Amino acid sequence: MGTALGAGDSAIVIATPPHVDLLGQRLRARGLDIAKSARRGRYVALDATETLAKFMRHGQPEPELFVKVVGDVVA
């Protein structure tokens, strides 16, 4: 994440809120302005539980839903 953001690229993270917070702390410690990156759409942090609920069916990822959910974020 840090390498991508530092190079001006984008990053998407799907994690639990505590992990997103920890990652944010580490990125800020490296001097990265993740709030600015987020406003520009270059840093997207998604809640794992909410995101998984959108494409998991019967304990398995549904490929079409995964492409839609994650593809929409990538686009």
PDB file of N, CA and C in Angstrom:
ATOM      1  N   MET A   1       0.811  -1.180   0.000  1.00  0.00           N
ATOM      2  CA  MET A   1       0.000   0.000   0.000  1.00  0.00           C
ATOM      3  C   MET A   1       0.864   1.258   0.000  1.00  0.00           C
ATOM      4  N   GLY A   2       1.818   1.287   0.894  1.00  0.00           N
ATOM      5  CA  GLY A   2       2.659   2.463   1.010  1.00  0.00           C
ATOM      6  C   GLY A   2       3.455   2.738  -0.244  1.00  0.00           C
ATOM      7  N   THR A   3       3.974   1.683  -0.854  1.00  0.00           N
ATOM      8  CA  THR A   3       4.753   1.841  -2.078  1.00  0.00           C
ATOM      9  C   THR A   3       3.872   2.396  -3.199  1.00  0.00           C
ATOM     10  N   ALA A   4       2.682   1.837  -3.322  1.00  0.00           N
ATOM     11  CA  ALA A   4       1.763   2.299  -4.367  1.00  0.00           C
ATOM     12  C   ALA A   4       1.371   3.755  -4.149  1.00  0.00           C
ATOM     13  N   LEU A   5       0.941   4.088  -2.955  1.00  0.00           N
ATOM     14  CA  LEU A   5       0.528   5.465  -2.683  1.00  0.00           C
ATOM     15  C   LEU A   5       1.686   6.439  -2.807  1.00  0.00           C
ATOM     16  N   GLY A   6       2.854   6.022  -2.337  1.00  0.00           N
ATOM     17  CA  GLY A   6       4.032   6.877  -2.438  1.00  0.00           C
ATOM     18  C   GLY A   6       4.425   7.160  -3.876  1.00  0.00           C
ATOM     19  N   ALA A   7       4.109   6.235  -4.780  1.00  0.00           N
ATOM     20  CA  ALA A   7       4.424   6.398  -6.197  1.00  0.00           C
ATOM     21  C   ALA A   7       3.316   7.123  -6.956  1.00  0.00           C
ATOM     22  N   GLY A   8       2.246   7.507  -6.233  1.00  0.00           N
ATOM     23  CA  GLY A   8       1.135   8.193  -6.885  1.00  0.00           C
ATOM     24  C   GLY A   8       0.104   7.257  -7.473  1.00  0.00           C
ATOM     25  N   ASP A   9       0.219   5.977  -7.162  1.00  0.00           N
ATOM     26  CA  ASP A   9      -0.755   4.998  -7.631  1.00  0.00           C
ATOM     27  C   ASP A   9      -1.893   4.881  -6.629  1.00  0.00           C
ATOM     28  N   SER A  10      -2.790   3.968  -6.892  1.00  0.00           N
ATOM     29  CA  SER A  10      -3.946   3.757  -6.026  1.00  0.00           C
ATOM     30  C   SER A  10      -3.804   2.468  -5.231  1.00  0.00           C
ATOM     31  N   ALA A  11      -4.575   2.375  -4.158  1.00  0.00           N
ATOM     32  CA  ALA A  11      -4.555   1.187  -3.317  1.00  0.00           C
ATOM     33  C   ALA A  11      -5.954   0.936  -2.766  1.00  0.00           C
ATOM     34  N   ILE A  12      -6.321  -0.323  -2.735  1.00  0.00           N
ATOM     35  CA  ILE A  12      -7.600  -0.753  -2.163  1.00  0.00           C
ATOM     36  C   ILE A  12      -7.286  -1.772  -1.086  1.00  0.00           C
ATOM     37  N   VAL A  13      -7.864  -1.572   0.092  1.00  0.00           N
ATOM     38  CA  VAL A  13      -7.690  -2.527   1.181  1.00  0.00           C
ATOM     39  C   VAL A  13      -9.068  -2.975   1.646  1.00  0.00           C
ATOM     40  N   ILE A  14      -9.208  -4.269   1.844  1.00  0.00           N
ATOM     41  CA  ILE A  14     -10.426  -4.846   2.409  1.00  0.00           C
ATOM     42  C   ILE A  14      -9.993  -5.515   3.702  1.00  0.00           C
ATOM     43  N   ALA A  15     -10.404  -4.942   4.825  1.00  0.00           N
ATOM     44  CA  ALA A  15      -9.931  -5.427   6.119  1.00  0.00           C
ATOM     45  C   ALA A  15     -10.919  -5.050   7.210  1.00  0.00           C
ATOM     46  N   THR A  16     -10.707  -5.620   8.382  1.00  0.00           N
ATOM     47  CA  THR A  16     -11.525  -5.260   9.533  1.00  0.00           C
ATOM     48  C   THR A  16     -11.170  -3.835   9.966  1.00  0.00           C
ATOM     49  N   PRO A  17     -12.087  -3.141  10.620  1.00  0.00           N
ATOM     50  CA  PRO A  17     -11.786  -1.775  11.057  1.00  0.00           C
ATOM     51  C   PRO A  17     -10.491  -1.643  11.865  1.00  0.00           C
ATOM     52  N   PRO A  18     -10.196  -2.559  12.809  1.00  0.00           N
ATOM     53  CA  PRO A  18      -8.924  -2.416  13.527  1.00  0.00           C
ATOM     54  C   PRO A  18      -7.704  -2.522  12.604  1.00  0.00           C
ATOM     55  N   HIS A  19      -7.779  -3.387  11.607  1.00  0.00           N
ATOM     56  CA  HIS A  19      -6.668  -3.527  10.671  1.00  0.00           C
ATOM     57  C   HIS A  19      -6.543  -2.294   9.771  1.00  0.00           C
ATOM     58  N   VAL A  20      -7.678  -1.745   9.363  1.00  0.00           N
ATOM     59  CA  VAL A  20      -7.647  -0.517   8.556  1.00  0.00           C
ATOM     60  C   VAL A  20      -7.015   0.610   9.372  1.00  0.00           C
ATOM     61  N   ASP A  21      -7.394   0.710  10.646  1.00  0.00           N
ATOM     62  CA  ASP A  21      -6.820   1.747  11.515  1.00  0.00           C
ATOM     63  C   ASP A  21      -5.314   1.562  11.666  1.00  0.00           C
ATOM     64  N   LEU A  22      -4.878   0.342  11.908  1.00  0.00           N
ATOM     65  CA  LEU A  22      -3.446   0.065  12.054  1.00  0.00           C
ATOM     66  C   LEU A  22      -2.695   0.376  10.762  1.00  0.00           C
ATOM     67  N   LEU A  23      -3.257  -0.026   9.639  1.00  0.00           N
ATOM     68  CA  LEU A  23      -2.629   0.272   8.355  1.00  0.00           C
ATOM     69  C   LEU A  23      -2.529   1.782   8.161  1.00  0.00           C
ATOM     70  N   GLY A  24      -3.595   2.498   8.501  1.00  0.00           N
ATOM     71  CA  GLY A  24      -3.574   3.952   8.384  1.00  0.00           C
ATOM     72  C   GLY A  24      -2.480   4.575   9.231  1.00  0.00           C
ATOM     73  N   GLN A  25      -2.324   4.079  10.449  1.00  0.00           N
ATOM     74  CA  GLN A  25      -1.262   4.584  11.326  1.00  0.00           C
ATOM     75  C   GLN A  25       0.110   4.362  10.697  1.00  0.00           C
ATOM     76  N   ARG A  26       0.312   3.183  10.155  1.00  0.00           N
ATOM     77  CA  ARG A  26       1.608   2.858   9.551  1.00  0.00           C
ATOM     78  C   ARG A  26       1.883   3.692   8.302  1.00  0.00           C
ATOM     79  N   LEU A  27       0.848   3.912   7.500  1.00  0.00           N
ATOM     80  CA  LEU A  27       1.027   4.725   6.299  1.00  0.00           C
ATOM     81  C   LEU A  27       1.319   6.180   6.666  1.00  0.00           C
ATOM     82  N   ARG A  28       0.604   6.699   7.652  1.00  0.00           N
ATOM     83  CA  ARG A  28       0.859   8.077   8.102  1.00  0.00           C
ATOM     84  C   ARG A  28       2.259   8.195   8.698  1.00  0.00           C
ATOM     85  N   ALA A  29       2.714   7.162   9.390  1.00  0.00           N
ATOM     86  CA  ALA A  29       4.065   7.177   9.964  1.00  0.00           C
ATOM     87  C   ALA A  29       5.124   7.238   8.867  1.00  0.00           C
ATOM     88  N   ARG A  30       4.781   6.755   7.695  1.00  0.00           N
ATOM     89  CA  ARG A  30       5.698   6.826   6.541  1.00  0.00           C
ATOM     90  C   ARG A  30       5.580   8.171   5.820  1.00  0.00           C
ATOM     91  N   GLY A  31       4.756   9.055   6.355  1.00  0.00           N
ATOM     92  CA  GLY A  31       4.615  10.381   5.772  1.00  0.00           C
ATOM     93  C   GLY A  31       3.574  10.487   4.678  1.00  0.00           C
ATOM     94  N   LEU A  32       2.726   9.482   4.556  1.00  0.00           N
ATOM     95  CA  LEU A  32       1.698   9.500   3.518  1.00  0.00           C
ATOM     96  C   LEU A  32       0.421  10.145   4.047  1.00  0.00           C
ATOM     97  N   ASP A  33      -0.176  10.973   3.229  1.00  0.00           N
ATOM     98  CA  ASP A  33      -1.429  11.639   3.586  1.00  0.00           C
ATOM     99  C   ASP A  33      -2.579  10.804   3.035  1.00  0.00           C
ATOM    100  N   ILE A  34      -3.027   9.821   3.816  1.00  0.00           N
ATOM    101  CA  ILE A  34      -4.055   8.917   3.308  1.00  0.00           C
ATOM    102  C   ILE A  34      -5.411   9.598   3.201  1.00  0.00           C
ATOM    103  N   ALA A  35      -5.668  10.613   4.021  1.00  0.00           N
ATOM    104  CA  ALA A  35      -6.926  11.349   3.907  1.00  0.00           C
ATOM    105  C   ALA A  35      -6.993  12.042   2.547  1.00  0.00           C
ATOM    106  N   LYS A  36      -5.911  12.640   2.147  1.00  0.00           N
ATOM    107  CA  LYS A  36      -5.836  13.301   0.841  1.00  0.00           C
ATOM    108  C   LYS A  36      -5.979  12.274  -0.279  1.00  0.00           C
ATOM    109  N   SER A  37      -5.290  11.150  -0.136  1.00  0.00           N
ATOM    110  CA  SER A  37      -5.394  10.088  -1.137  1.00  0.00           C
ATOM    111  C   SER A  37      -6.822   9.566  -1.225  1.00  0.00           C
ATOM    112  N   ALA A  38      -7.484   9.429  -0.082  1.00  0.00           N
ATOM    113  CA  ALA A  38      -8.871   8.952  -0.065  1.00  0.00           C
ATOM    114  C   ALA A  38      -9.790   9.947  -0.763  1.00  0.00           C
ATOM    115  N   ARG A  39      -9.605  11.237  -0.497  1.00  0.00           N
ATOM    116  CA  ARG A  39     -10.438  12.256  -1.150  1.00  0.00           C
ATOM    117  C   ARG A  39     -10.273  12.212  -2.670  1.00  0.00           C
ATOM    118  N   ARG A  40      -9.087  11.884  -3.108  1.00  0.00           N
ATOM    119  CA  ARG A  40      -8.811  11.810  -4.553  1.00  0.00           C
ATOM    120  C   ARG A  40      -9.204  10.463  -5.151  1.00  0.00           C
ATOM    121  N   GLY A  41      -9.713   9.559  -4.317  1.00  0.00           N
ATOM    122  CA  GLY A  41     -10.109   8.243  -4.798  1.00  0.00           C
ATOM    123  C   GLY A  41      -8.950   7.294  -5.023  1.00  0.00           C
ATOM    124  N   ARG A  42      -7.779   7.634  -4.482  1.00  0.00           N
ATOM    125  CA  ARG A  42      -6.589   6.803  -4.668  1.00  0.00           C
ATOM    126  C   ARG A  42      -6.378   5.822  -3.525  1.00  0.00           C
ATOM    127  N   TYR A  43      -7.056   6.024  -2.409  1.00  0.00           N
ATOM    128  CA  TYR A  43      -6.959   5.095  -1.275  1.00  0.00           C
ATOM    129  C   TYR A  43      -8.376   4.752  -0.855  1.00  0.00           C
ATOM    130  N   VAL A  44      -8.715   3.490  -1.005  1.00  0.00           N
ATOM    131  CA  VAL A  44     -10.056   3.029  -0.663  1.00  0.00           C
ATOM    132  C   VAL A  44      -9.914   1.937   0.381  1.00  0.00           C
ATOM    133  N   ALA A  45     -10.533   2.145   1.528  1.00  0.00           N
ATOM    134  CA  ALA A  45     -10.525   1.150   2.598  1.00  0.00           C
ATOM    135  C   ALA A  45     -11.958   0.664   2.805  1.00  0.00           C
ATOM    136  N   LEU A  46     -12.165  -0.615   2.623  1.00  0.00           N
ATOM    137  CA  LEU A  46     -13.489  -1.209   2.751  1.00  0.00           C
ATOM    138  C   LEU A  46     -13.537  -2.130   3.960  1.00  0.00           C
ATOM    139  N   ASP A  47     -14.657  -2.108   4.639  1.00  0.00           N
ATOM    140  CA  ASP A  47     -14.884  -2.992   5.776  1.00  0.00           C
ATOM    141  C   ASP A  47     -15.034  -4.421   5.261  1.00  0.00           C
ATOM    142  N   ALA A  48     -14.247  -5.328   5.795  1.00  0.00           N
ATOM    143  CA  ALA A  48     -14.233  -6.715   5.325  1.00  0.00           C
ATOM    144  C   ALA A  48     -15.597  -7.386   5.474  1.00  0.00           C
ATOM    145  N   THR A  49     -16.235  -7.234   6.616  1.00  0.00           N
ATOM    146  CA  THR A  49     -17.520  -7.900   6.839  1.00  0.00           C
ATOM    147  C   THR A  49     -18.571  -7.413   5.853  1.00  0.00           C
ATOM    148  N   GLU A  50     -18.664  -6.107   5.683  1.00  0.00           N
ATOM    149  CA  GLU A  50     -19.650  -5.537   4.759  1.00  0.00           C
ATOM    150  C   GLU A  50     -19.355  -5.932   3.314  1.00  0.00           C
ATOM    151  N   THR A  51     -18.099  -5.885   2.947  1.00  0.00           N
ATOM    152  CA  THR A  51     -17.724  -6.188   1.571  1.00  0.00           C
ATOM    153  C   THR A  51     -17.942  -7.660   1.251  1.00  0.00           C
ATOM    154  N   LEU A  52     -17.504  -8.531   2.150  1.00  0.00           N
ATOM    155  CA  LEU A  52     -17.704  -9.967   1.921  1.00  0.00           C
ATOM    156  C   LEU A  52     -19.185 -10.318   1.826  1.00  0.00           C
ATOM    157  N   ALA A  53     -20.014  -9.668   2.621  1.00  0.00           N
ATOM    158  CA  ALA A  53     -21.453  -9.948   2.597  1.00  0.00           C
ATOM    159  C   ALA A  53     -22.067  -9.648   1.232  1.00  0.00           C
ATOM    160  N   LYS A  54     -21.431  -8.794   0.479  1.00  0.00           N
ATOM    161  CA  LYS A  54     -21.957  -8.418  -0.831  1.00  0.00           C
ATOM    162  C   LYS A  54     -21.690  -9.456  -1.918  1.00  0.00           C
ATOM    163  N   PHE A  55     -20.687 -10.320  -1.710  1.00  0.00           N
ATOM    164  CA  PHE A  55     -20.410 -11.293  -2.771  1.00  0.00           C
ATOM    165  C   PHE A  55     -20.290 -12.741  -2.301  1.00  0.00           C
ATOM    166  N   MET A  56     -20.447 -12.997  -1.023  1.00  0.00           N
ATOM    167  CA  MET A  56     -20.409 -14.382  -0.537  1.00  0.00           C
ATOM    168  C   MET A  56     -21.826 -14.961  -0.511  1.00  0.00           C
ATOM    169  N   ARG A  57     -21.961 -16.194  -0.975  1.00  0.00           N
ATOM    170  CA  ARG A  57     -23.231 -16.905  -0.936  1.00  0.00           C
ATOM    171  C   ARG A  57     -22.969 -18.319  -0.445  1.00  0.00           C
ATOM    172  N   HIS A  58     -23.637 -18.689   0.627  1.00  0.00           N
ATOM    173  CA  HIS A  58     -23.493 -20.040   1.195  1.00  0.00           C
ATOM    174  C   HIS A  58     -22.033 -20.359   1.515  1.00  0.00           C
ATOM    175  N   GLY A  59     -21.321 -19.361   2.031  1.00  0.00           N
ATOM    176  CA  GLY A  59     -19.942 -19.562   2.451  1.00  0.00           C
ATOM    177  C   GLY A  59     -18.915 -19.573   1.327  1.00  0.00           C
ATOM    178  N   GLN A  60     -19.352 -19.288   0.120  1.00  0.00           N
ATOM    179  CA  GLN A  60     -18.453 -19.300  -1.032  1.00  0.00           C
ATOM    180  C   GLN A  60     -18.575 -17.978  -1.792  1.00  0.00           C
ATOM    181  N   PRO A  61     -17.473 -17.499  -2.367  1.00  0.00           N
ATOM    182  CA  PRO A  61     -17.583 -16.288  -3.181  1.00  0.00           C
ATOM    183  C   PRO A  61     -18.344 -16.576  -4.474  1.00  0.00           C
ATOM    184  N   GLU A  62     -19.266 -15.717  -4.790  1.00  0.00           N
ATOM    185  CA  GLU A  62     -20.015 -15.813  -6.042  1.00  0.00           C
ATOM    186  C   GLU A  62     -19.243 -14.989  -7.080  1.00  0.00           C
ATOM    187  N   PRO A  63     -18.647 -15.646  -8.085  1.00  0.00           N
ATOM    188  CA  PRO A  63     -17.755 -14.939  -9.006  1.00  0.00           C
ATOM    189  C   PRO A  63     -18.350 -13.682  -9.638  1.00  0.00           C
ATOM    190  N   GLU A  64     -19.592 -13.753 -10.090  1.00  0.00           N
ATOM    191  CA  GLU A  64     -20.196 -12.588 -10.745  1.00  0.00           C
ATOM    192  C   GLU A  64     -20.363 -11.430  -9.768  1.00  0.00           C
ATOM    193  N   LEU A  65     -20.774 -11.745  -8.545  1.00  0.00           N
ATOM    194  CA  LEU A  65     -20.928 -10.695  -7.539  1.00  0.00           C
ATOM    195  C   LEU A  65     -19.573 -10.113  -7.147  1.00  0.00           C
ATOM    196  N   PHE A  66     -18.566 -10.977  -7.038  1.00  0.00           N
ATOM    197  CA  PHE A  66     -17.220 -10.498  -6.704  1.00  0.00           C
ATOM    198  C   PHE A  66     -16.753  -9.499  -7.763  1.00  0.00           C
ATOM    199  N   VAL A  67     -16.904  -9.869  -9.029  1.00  0.00           N
ATOM    200  CA  VAL A  67     -16.475  -8.980 -10.119  1.00  0.00           C
ATOM    201  C   VAL A  67     -17.230  -7.659 -10.040  1.00  0.00           C
ATOM    202  N   LYS A  68     -18.519  -7.725  -9.742  1.00  0.00           N
ATOM    203  CA  LYS A  68     -19.305  -6.487  -9.656  1.00  0.00           C
ATOM    204  C   LYS A  68     -18.840  -5.632  -8.485  1.00  0.00           C
ATOM    205  N   VAL A  69     -18.771  -6.218  -7.301  1.00  0.00           N
ATOM    206  CA  VAL A  69     -18.419  -5.457  -6.086  1.00  0.00           C
ATOM    207  C   VAL A  69     -17.003  -4.910  -6.184  1.00  0.00           C
ATOM    208  N   VAL A  70     -16.051  -5.766  -6.431  1.00  0.00           N
ATOM    209  CA  VAL A  70     -14.658  -5.332  -6.470  1.00  0.00           C
ATOM    210  C   VAL A  70     -14.381  -4.554  -7.758  1.00  0.00           C
ATOM    211  N   GLY A  71     -14.973  -4.977  -8.847  1.00  0.00           N
ATOM    212  CA  GLY A  71     -14.790  -4.280 -10.119  1.00  0.00           C
ATOM    213  C   GLY A  71     -15.287  -2.844 -10.058  1.00  0.00           C
ATOM    214  N   ASP A  72     -16.411  -2.616  -9.389  1.00  0.00           N
ATOM    215  CA  ASP A  72     -16.928  -1.254  -9.244  1.00  0.00           C
ATOM    216  C   ASP A  72     -15.941  -0.374  -8.483  1.00  0.00           C
ATOM    217  N   VAL A  73     -15.297  -0.928  -7.473  1.00  0.00           N
ATOM    218  CA  VAL A  73     -14.313  -0.167  -6.693  1.00  0.00           C
ATOM    219  C   VAL A  73     -13.083   0.128  -7.552  1.00  0.00           C
ATOM    220  N   VAL A  74     -12.623  -0.872  -8.285  1.00  0.00           N
ATOM    221  CA  VAL A  74     -11.451  -0.692  -9.137  1.00  0.00           C
ATOM    222  C   VAL A  74     -11.740   0.351 -10.215  1.00  0.00           C
ATOM    223  N   ALA A  75     -12.930   0.275 -10.796  1.00  0.00           N
ATOM    224  CA  ALA A  75     -13.294   1.232 -11.860  1.00  0.00           C
ATOM    225  C   ALA A  75     -13.340   2.634 -11.285  1.00  0.00           C
TER     226      ALA A  75
END
